[in-house]
Amino acid sequence: MNDFAKTLIFFGVVLIAIGIVVSVFGKIPGLGRFPGDIYVRKGSFTFYFPLTTCLVLSLILTLVFSLFGKK
């Protein structure tokens, strides 16, 4: 098997694991509602943009991929 196929299988397994966690807990624990996330509610309209959550996830994924990536 080549490296690309192994990478796709790895990400598939990770997505399945995340799906199981979300279905069991309802959401990923510890994520969301950070200070800096934009949340607007007016009547029946709700707008939520997780700006800080996106930045935190980006930082974590960057660190993980830089530590475990090929050198």
N, C-alpha and C. Protein backbone atom coordinates (compact mmCIF):
# COMPACT_ATOMS: atom_id res chain seq x y z
N MET A 1 0.84 -1.17 0.00
CA MET A 1 0.00 0.00 0.00
C MET A 1 0.89 1.24 0.00
N ASN A 2 0.49 2.23 -0.76
CA ASN A 2 1.31 3.44 -0.78
C ASN A 2 0.94 4.38 0.38
N ASP A 3 1.71 5.43 0.54
CA ASP A 3 1.53 6.34 1.66
C ASP A 3 0.19 7.07 1.59
N PHE A 4 -0.27 7.41 0.40
CA PHE A 4 -1.53 8.14 0.25
C PHE A 4 -2.69 7.29 0.74
N ALA A 5 -2.70 6.02 0.41
CA ALA A 5 -3.78 5.13 0.86
C ALA A 5 -3.77 4.99 2.37
N LYS A 6 -2.59 4.87 2.97
CA LYS A 6 -2.49 4.78 4.43
C LYS A 6 -2.99 6.05 5.10
N THR A 7 -2.68 7.20 4.50
CA THR A 7 -3.13 8.47 5.04
C THR A 7 -4.65 8.57 4.98
N LEU A 8 -5.26 8.16 3.87
CA LEU A 8 -6.71 8.19 3.76
C LEU A 8 -7.37 7.26 4.76
N ILE A 9 -6.81 6.09 4.96
CA ILE A 9 -7.35 5.15 5.95
C ILE A 9 -7.24 5.74 7.35
N PHE A 10 -6.11 6.36 7.67
CA PHE A 10 -5.92 6.98 8.97
C PHE A 10 -6.97 8.05 9.24
N PHE A 11 -7.16 8.96 8.26
CA PHE A 11 -8.14 10.03 8.45
C PHE A 11 -9.55 9.48 8.52
N GLY A 12 -9.83 8.40 7.82
CA GLY A 12 -11.14 7.76 7.92
C GLY A 12 -11.39 7.22 9.32
N VAL A 13 -10.40 6.59 9.90
CA VAL A 13 -10.52 6.06 11.25
C VAL A 13 -10.69 7.20 12.25
N VAL A 14 -9.96 8.28 12.06
CA VAL A 14 -10.08 9.45 12.95
C VAL A 14 -11.48 10.03 12.86
N LEU A 15 -12.02 10.16 11.65
CA LEU A 15 -13.37 10.70 11.49
C LEU A 15 -14.43 9.79 12.13
N ILE A 16 -14.25 8.50 12.02
CA ILE A 16 -15.17 7.57 12.67
C ILE A 16 -15.10 7.73 14.19
N ALA A 17 -13.90 7.86 14.73
CA ALA A 17 -13.73 8.04 16.17
C ALA A 17 -14.39 9.34 16.64
N ILE A 18 -14.21 10.42 15.89
CA ILE A 18 -14.84 11.69 16.24
C ILE A 18 -16.36 11.56 16.17
N GLY A 19 -16.86 10.86 15.16
CA GLY A 19 -18.30 10.63 15.05
C GLY A 19 -18.87 9.88 16.23
N ILE A 20 -18.14 8.89 16.71
CA ILE A 20 -18.60 8.13 17.88
C ILE A 20 -18.61 9.02 19.12
N VAL A 21 -17.56 9.81 19.31
CA VAL A 21 -17.50 10.72 20.47
C VAL A 21 -18.66 11.71 20.43
N VAL A 22 -18.93 12.28 19.26
CA VAL A 22 -20.00 13.27 19.14
C VAL A 22 -21.36 12.61 19.37
N SER A 23 -21.57 11.40 18.87
CA SER A 23 -22.86 10.75 19.07
C SER A 23 -23.07 10.34 20.53
N VAL A 24 -22.01 10.02 21.24
CA VAL A 24 -22.14 9.63 22.65
C VAL A 24 -22.31 10.85 23.55
N PHE A 25 -21.50 11.88 23.35
CA PHE A 25 -21.52 13.04 24.24
C PHE A 25 -22.42 14.17 23.74
N GLY A 26 -22.85 14.13 22.49
CA GLY A 26 -23.70 15.20 21.96
C GLY A 26 -22.89 16.32 21.31
N LYS A 27 -21.71 16.55 21.80
CA LYS A 27 -20.78 17.49 21.20
C LYS A 27 -19.39 17.16 21.73
N ILE A 28 -18.39 17.71 21.13
CA ILE A 28 -17.03 17.44 21.59
C ILE A 28 -16.81 18.23 22.88
N PRO A 29 -16.51 17.54 23.97
CA PRO A 29 -16.36 18.23 25.26
C PRO A 29 -15.20 19.23 25.23
N GLY A 30 -15.45 20.39 25.80
CA GLY A 30 -14.41 21.40 25.90
C GLY A 30 -14.32 22.35 24.73
N LEU A 31 -15.07 22.10 23.65
CA LEU A 31 -15.02 22.98 22.49
C LEU A 31 -16.29 23.82 22.40
N GLY A 32 -16.12 25.00 21.87
CA GLY A 32 -17.26 25.89 21.69
C GLY A 32 -17.42 26.83 22.86
N ARG A 33 -18.05 27.93 22.60
CA ARG A 33 -18.32 28.95 23.63
C ARG A 33 -17.07 29.51 24.27
N PHE A 34 -16.00 29.64 23.49
CA PHE A 34 -14.81 30.32 23.98
C PHE A 34 -15.04 31.83 23.93
N PRO A 35 -14.36 32.59 24.78
CA PRO A 35 -14.43 34.04 24.62
C PRO A 35 -13.86 34.41 23.25
N GLY A 36 -14.57 35.20 22.51
CA GLY A 36 -14.14 35.55 21.17
C GLY A 36 -14.98 34.89 20.09
N ASP A 37 -15.75 33.86 20.47
CA ASP A 37 -16.71 33.28 19.53
C ASP A 37 -17.87 34.25 19.38
N ILE A 38 -18.34 34.43 18.17
CA ILE A 38 -19.40 35.39 17.88
C ILE A 38 -20.74 34.68 17.98
N TYR A 39 -21.60 35.19 18.85
CA TYR A 39 -22.92 34.61 19.06
C TYR A 39 -23.94 35.73 19.12
N VAL A 40 -24.88 35.74 18.16
CA VAL A 40 -25.91 36.78 18.10
C VAL A 40 -27.27 36.10 18.09
N ARG A 41 -28.15 36.52 18.98
CA ARG A 41 -29.52 35.99 19.00
C ARG A 41 -30.49 37.17 19.04
N LYS A 42 -31.34 37.24 18.03
CA LYS A 42 -32.37 38.27 17.96
C LYS A 42 -33.68 37.60 17.56
N GLY A 43 -34.57 37.45 18.52
CA GLY A 43 -35.84 36.79 18.25
C GLY A 43 -35.63 35.33 17.90
N SER A 44 -36.12 34.95 16.73
CA SER A 44 -35.96 33.56 16.31
C SER A 44 -34.70 33.34 15.48
N PHE A 45 -33.93 34.40 15.25
CA PHE A 45 -32.69 34.32 14.46
C PHE A 45 -31.50 34.12 15.39
N THR A 46 -30.68 33.13 15.08
CA THR A 46 -29.46 32.87 15.85
C THR A 46 -28.30 32.73 14.89
N PHE A 47 -27.22 33.46 15.17
CA PHE A 47 -26.00 33.37 14.36
C PHE A 47 -24.85 33.04 15.29
N TYR A 48 -24.11 32.00 14.96
CA TYR A 48 -22.97 31.60 15.77
C TYR A 48 -21.78 31.36 14.86
N PHE A 49 -20.69 32.07 15.11
CA PHE A 49 -19.46 31.87 14.35
C PHE A 49 -18.34 31.62 15.35
N PRO A 50 -17.83 30.38 15.40
CA PRO A 50 -16.82 30.01 16.40
C PRO A 50 -15.41 30.45 16.01
N LEU A 51 -15.16 31.74 16.04
CA LEU A 51 -13.87 32.28 15.61
C LEU A 51 -12.72 31.78 16.48
N THR A 52 -12.83 31.93 17.77
CA THR A 52 -11.76 31.50 18.67
C THR A 52 -11.61 29.97 18.66
N THR A 53 -12.72 29.26 18.57
CA THR A 53 -12.67 27.81 18.51
C THR A 53 -11.90 27.36 17.26
N CYS A 54 -12.15 28.02 16.13
CA CYS A 54 -11.42 27.68 14.90
C CYS A 54 -9.92 27.94 15.05
N LEU A 55 -9.57 29.04 15.69
CA LEU A 55 -8.15 29.36 15.89
C LEU A 55 -7.47 28.34 16.81
N VAL A 56 -8.17 27.95 17.87
CA VAL A 56 -7.61 26.96 18.81
C VAL A 56 -7.43 25.61 18.12
N LEU A 57 -8.44 25.16 17.36
CA LEU A 57 -8.32 23.89 16.64
C LEU A 57 -7.21 23.94 15.60
N SER A 58 -7.07 25.07 14.93
CA SER A 58 -6.01 25.22 13.94
C SER A 58 -4.64 25.12 14.60
N LEU A 59 -4.48 25.75 15.74
CA LEU A 59 -3.21 25.69 16.47
C LEU A 59 -2.90 24.27 16.92
N ILE A 60 -3.90 23.58 17.47
CA ILE A 60 -3.70 22.21 17.94
C ILE A 60 -3.34 21.28 16.78
N LEU A 61 -4.07 21.38 15.66
CA LEU A 61 -3.79 20.52 14.51
C LEU A 61 -2.43 20.83 13.90
N THR A 62 -2.04 22.10 13.88
CA THR A 62 -0.72 22.47 13.37
C THR A 62 0.38 21.84 14.23
N LEU A 63 0.21 21.90 15.54
CA LEU A 63 1.21 21.30 16.43
C LEU A 63 1.27 19.78 16.27
N VAL A 64 0.11 19.14 16.16
CA VAL A 64 0.08 17.68 16.02
C VAL A 64 0.74 17.27 14.72
N PHE A 65 0.38 17.94 13.62
CA PHE A 65 0.95 17.56 12.32
C PHE A 65 2.44 17.88 12.22
N SER A 66 2.88 18.94 12.90
CA SER A 66 4.31 19.24 12.86
C SER A 66 5.12 18.26 13.71
N LEU A 67 4.52 17.75 14.79
CA LEU A 67 5.22 16.80 15.64
C LEU A 67 5.26 15.40 15.01
N PHE A 68 4.16 14.99 14.37
CA PHE A 68 4.08 13.64 13.85
C PHE A 68 4.24 13.56 12.34
N GLY A 69 4.49 14.69 11.69
CA GLY A 69 4.67 14.68 10.24
C GLY A 69 6.03 14.15 9.85
N LYS A 70 6.18 13.93 8.57
CA LYS A 70 7.46 13.44 8.07
C LYS A 70 8.52 14.52 8.17
N LYS A 71 9.74 14.10 8.40
CA LYS A 71 10.82 15.06 8.56
C LYS A 71 11.77 14.96 7.40
